[in-house]
Amino acid sequence: MGRALVGYLGRELGRYRLKDVAEHFKRDPAAISQGTRHIEEEIQKEGTLSKTVQRVKEKLTRGRKKKYLIT
């Protein structure tokens, strides 16, 4: 679950591709993708994981300037 959570946060906050996260952890991108989908499903349930992830996101972005991706 840890790698999947890093993949989720990397995509949400850092705009990292799951492929890049998978390469970093030397894992198959499909495995990271599946884990990330599982994290997203658990967050949608509004349980303990949802609250924990929200707190982690707040701590990681505290004091950080907002960046906008222009495509």
Protein backbone atom coordinates (compact mmCIF):
# COMPACT_ATOMS: atom_id res chain seq x y z
CA MET A 1 0.00 0.00 0.00
CA GLY A 2 2.94 2.34 0.63
CA ARG A 3 4.14 2.45 -2.97
CA ALA A 4 0.58 2.92 -4.18
CA LEU A 5 0.10 5.83 -1.80
CA VAL A 6 3.34 7.42 -3.02
CA GLY A 7 2.09 6.95 -6.59
CA TYR A 8 -1.22 8.59 -5.73
CA LEU A 9 0.39 11.54 -3.94
CA GLY A 10 3.03 11.92 -6.64
CA ARG A 11 0.37 12.13 -9.30
CA GLU A 12 -1.92 14.42 -7.30
CA LEU A 13 0.68 16.81 -5.93
CA GLY A 14 3.72 16.48 -8.12
CA ARG A 15 2.26 15.64 -11.50
CA TYR A 16 4.49 12.56 -11.70
CA ARG A 17 3.54 9.80 -14.09
CA LEU A 18 2.87 6.40 -12.58
CA LYS A 19 5.49 5.03 -14.94
CA ASP A 20 8.11 7.23 -13.26
CA VAL A 21 7.03 6.10 -9.79
CA ALA A 22 7.14 2.46 -10.93
CA GLU A 23 10.66 2.89 -12.30
CA HIS A 24 11.81 4.48 -9.05
CA PHE A 25 10.55 1.51 -7.02
CA LYS A 26 11.60 -1.00 -9.70
CA ARG A 27 8.04 -2.25 -10.07
CA ASP A 28 5.72 -2.87 -12.99
CA PRO A 29 3.65 0.23 -13.88
CA ALA A 30 0.51 -1.93 -13.91
CA ALA A 31 1.08 -2.87 -10.27
CA ILE A 32 1.47 0.77 -9.23
CA SER A 33 -1.59 1.71 -11.29
CA GLN A 34 -3.70 -1.02 -9.68
CA GLY A 35 -2.57 0.02 -6.21
CA THR A 36 -3.28 3.67 -6.97
CA ARG A 37 -6.81 2.80 -8.13
CA HIS A 38 -7.31 0.90 -4.86
CA ILE A 39 -6.17 3.96 -2.89
CA GLU A 40 -8.61 6.16 -4.85
CA GLU A 41 -11.47 3.75 -4.14
CA GLU A 42 -10.68 3.73 -0.42
CA ILE A 43 -10.51 7.53 -0.36
CA GLN A 44 -13.97 7.70 -1.97
CA LYS A 45 -15.37 5.67 0.94
CA GLU A 46 -14.55 8.61 3.27
CA GLY A 47 -12.98 6.37 5.88
CA THR A 48 -9.88 6.64 8.01
CA LEU A 49 -7.58 6.44 4.99
CA SER A 50 -9.31 9.43 3.41
CA LYS A 51 -8.68 11.58 6.48
CA THR A 52 -5.09 10.39 6.78
CA VAL A 53 -4.31 11.10 3.12
CA GLN A 54 -5.85 14.56 3.43
CA ARG A 55 -3.63 15.36 6.43
CA VAL A 56 -0.54 14.12 4.58
CA LYS A 57 -1.42 16.25 1.55
CA GLU A 58 -1.86 19.30 3.77
CA LYS A 59 1.50 18.75 5.46
CA LEU A 60 3.27 18.25 2.14
CA THR A 61 1.80 21.40 0.61
CA ARG A 62 1.92 23.70 3.65
CA GLY A 63 3.75 26.90 2.73
CA ARG A 64 4.20 25.81 -0.87
CA LYS A 65 3.25 28.14 -3.67
CA LYS A 66 0.58 26.87 -6.01
CA LYS A 67 1.93 25.82 -9.40
CA TYR A 68 -0.24 25.76 -12.46
CA LEU A 69 0.31 23.39 -15.35
CA ILE A 70 -0.19 25.14 -18.67
CA THR A 71 -0.70 22.85 -21.63
